[in-house]
Amino acid sequence: QVQFVESGGGLVRPGGSLRLTCAPSDPTLRYYAIGWFRQAPGKEREGVSCFSFSDGSTYYADSVRGRFTISKDSAKNTVYLQMNSLKPEDTAVYYCATDGLRCSASITSTTIFRDPLYDDWGQGTQVTVSS
């Protein structure tokens, strides 16, 4: 299972921006899709965004679409999550993962899901949106 290191979180005011970084703990590892997830206190972990490298497809949860952008730097083997227009409800610990990832979209919904059998999460990075 591929382990990742998340960074870039912090404290920001509502309306502010942050860019999160996700990189494999072993920089030589290659992966073909990445998903960002977040977990707020007292809530279940939820999928935020997903990037399928095979066809360049990107997916976003309804709550972040239009505000967050996922991208990758192949040379650095790193994925980013640019978060703009942040809201207090974006406050959470953010994680990235690839194993067990399932991302899809239909006209009515987007699915960003990680098979619960894969429970190896990194330390995550804390994002706090508060005035």
Protein backbone atom coordinates (compact mmCIF):
# COMPACT_ATOMS: atom_id res chain seq x y z
CA GLN A 1 0.00 0.00 0.00
CA VAL A 2 1.27 3.40 -0.98
CA GLN A 3 1.76 5.87 1.82
CA PHE A 4 1.46 9.58 1.28
CA VAL A 5 2.56 12.69 3.12
CA GLU A 6 0.13 15.57 3.19
CA SER A 7 1.14 19.17 3.88
CA GLY A 8 0.10 22.75 3.34
CA GLY A 9 -2.71 23.07 5.85
CA GLY A 10 -3.11 25.95 8.26
CA LEU A 11 -5.39 28.56 9.71
CA VAL A 12 -7.10 30.83 7.21
CA ARG A 13 -9.94 33.33 7.31
CA PRO A 14 -13.19 32.66 5.45
CA GLY A 15 -12.71 33.51 1.81
CA GLY A 16 -9.03 32.73 1.95
CA SER A 17 -6.99 30.15 0.07
CA LEU A 18 -4.64 27.29 0.78
CA ARG A 19 -2.76 24.82 -1.39
CA LEU A 20 -2.37 21.33 -0.07
CA THR A 21 0.38 19.01 -1.24
CA CYS A 22 0.33 15.24 -1.45
CA ALA A 23 3.47 13.26 -2.17
CA PRO A 24 4.30 9.56 -1.77
CA SER A 25 6.56 8.73 1.14
CA ASP A 26 8.73 6.88 -1.38
CA PRO A 27 9.32 9.40 -4.19
CA THR A 28 10.08 6.63 -6.68
CA LEU A 29 6.61 5.13 -6.39
CA ARG A 30 4.23 5.65 -9.25
CA TYR A 31 0.49 5.86 -8.91
CA TYR A 32 -2.29 6.36 -11.39
CA ALA A 33 -5.00 8.11 -9.47
CA ILE A 34 -5.23 10.13 -6.31
CA GLY A 35 -8.06 11.13 -4.09
CA TRP A 36 -8.32 13.83 -1.47
CA PHE A 37 -10.47 13.15 1.55
CA ARG A 38 -11.27 15.11 4.68
CA GLN A 39 -12.58 14.40 8.13
CA ALA A 40 -14.12 17.02 10.36
CA PRO A 41 -14.47 16.50 14.12
CA GLY A 42 -17.32 14.15 14.88
CA LYS A 43 -17.96 13.39 11.23
CA GLU A 44 -17.09 10.57 8.88
CA ARG A 45 -14.32 10.93 6.39
CA GLU A 46 -15.61 12.16 3.04
CA GLY A 47 -14.26 12.30 -0.48
CA VAL A 48 -13.37 15.78 -1.71
CA SER A 49 -11.64 15.39 -5.07
CA CYS A 50 -10.13 12.77 -7.32
CA PHE A 51 -7.75 12.76 -10.27
CA SER A 52 -7.47 9.87 -12.66
CA PHE A 53 -4.15 10.13 -14.47
CA SER A 54 -5.09 7.61 -17.15
CA ASP A 55 -7.51 9.95 -18.85
CA GLY A 56 -7.02 13.18 -16.96
CA SER A 57 -10.48 13.07 -15.42
CA THR A 58 -11.07 15.09 -12.31
CA TYR A 59 -13.90 14.78 -9.85
CA TYR A 60 -15.17 17.05 -7.11
CA ALA A 61 -17.67 16.75 -4.32
CA ASP A 62 -20.60 19.09 -4.77
CA SER A 63 -19.57 21.01 -1.65
CA VAL A 64 -16.23 22.06 -3.16
CA ARG A 65 -16.87 22.17 -6.91
CA GLY A 66 -15.92 25.53 -8.33
CA ARG A 67 -13.74 26.38 -5.33
CA PHE A 68 -11.18 23.56 -5.22
CA THR A 69 -8.87 22.44 -8.02
CA ILE A 70 -6.84 19.24 -8.10
CA SER A 71 -3.68 19.11 -10.17
CA LYS A 72 -0.44 17.18 -10.46
CA ASP A 73 3.19 17.85 -11.09
CA SER A 74 4.49 14.74 -12.79
CA ALA A 75 8.10 15.84 -12.51
CA LYS A 76 7.77 16.07 -8.74
CA ASN A 77 5.41 13.08 -8.47
CA THR A 78 3.18 15.35 -6.43
CA VAL A 79 -0.50 16.23 -6.40
CA TYR A 80 -1.96 19.50 -5.21
CA LEU A 81 -5.34 20.65 -4.00
CA GLN A 82 -5.83 24.37 -4.49
CA MET A 83 -8.58 25.53 -2.18
CA ASN A 84 -10.11 28.95 -2.76
CA SER A 85 -13.05 30.76 -1.19
CA LEU A 86 -12.67 28.66 1.91
CA LYS A 87 -15.58 28.36 4.29
CA PRO A 88 -15.72 27.40 7.97
CA GLU A 89 -17.34 24.11 6.94
CA ASP A 90 -14.15 23.22 5.07
CA THR A 91 -12.41 22.87 8.41
CA ALA A 92 -11.10 19.31 8.65
CA VAL A 93 -8.04 17.13 8.47
CA TYR A 94 -7.27 16.48 4.82
CA TYR A 95 -5.81 13.21 3.56
CA CYS A 96 -4.80 11.80 0.21
CA ALA A 97 -4.79 8.19 -0.90
CA THR A 98 -4.62 5.98 -3.96
CA ASP A 99 -5.16 2.35 -2.96
CA GLY A 100 -8.78 1.24 -3.10
CA LEU A 101 -9.84 4.49 -4.74
CA ARG A 102 -13.03 4.67 -6.76
CA CYS A 103 -14.07 7.82 -8.54
CA SER A 104 -16.98 8.26 -10.88
CA ALA A 105 -19.54 10.79 -11.91
CA SER A 106 -23.01 10.74 -13.34
CA ILE A 107 -25.43 13.45 -14.28
CA THR A 108 -26.80 13.52 -10.77
CA SER A 109 -23.90 12.63 -8.50
CA THR A 110 -20.17 12.27 -8.03
CA THR A 111 -18.59 9.40 -6.13
CA ILE A 112 -15.20 9.72 -4.47
CA PHE A 113 -14.76 6.62 -2.38
CA ARG A 114 -12.05 4.53 -0.83
CA ASP A 115 -12.67 0.87 -0.10
CA PRO A 116 -12.79 0.54 3.72
CA LEU A 117 -10.50 -2.47 3.46
CA TYR A 118 -7.75 0.09 2.84
CA ASP A 119 -7.42 1.87 6.14
CA ASP A 120 -3.85 3.07 5.97
CA TRP A 121 -4.14 6.82 6.09
CA GLY A 122 -1.31 9.26 6.54
CA GLN A 123 -1.18 11.89 9.25
CA GLY A 124 -3.13 14.32 7.14
CA THR A 125 -2.90 18.09 7.25
CA GLN A 126 -5.18 20.27 9.35
CA VAL A 127 -7.17 23.00 7.62
CA THR A 128 -8.94 25.46 9.88
CA VAL A 129 -11.15 28.19 8.43
CA SER A 130 -12.08 30.72 11.06
CA SER A 131 -12.30 34.43 11.56
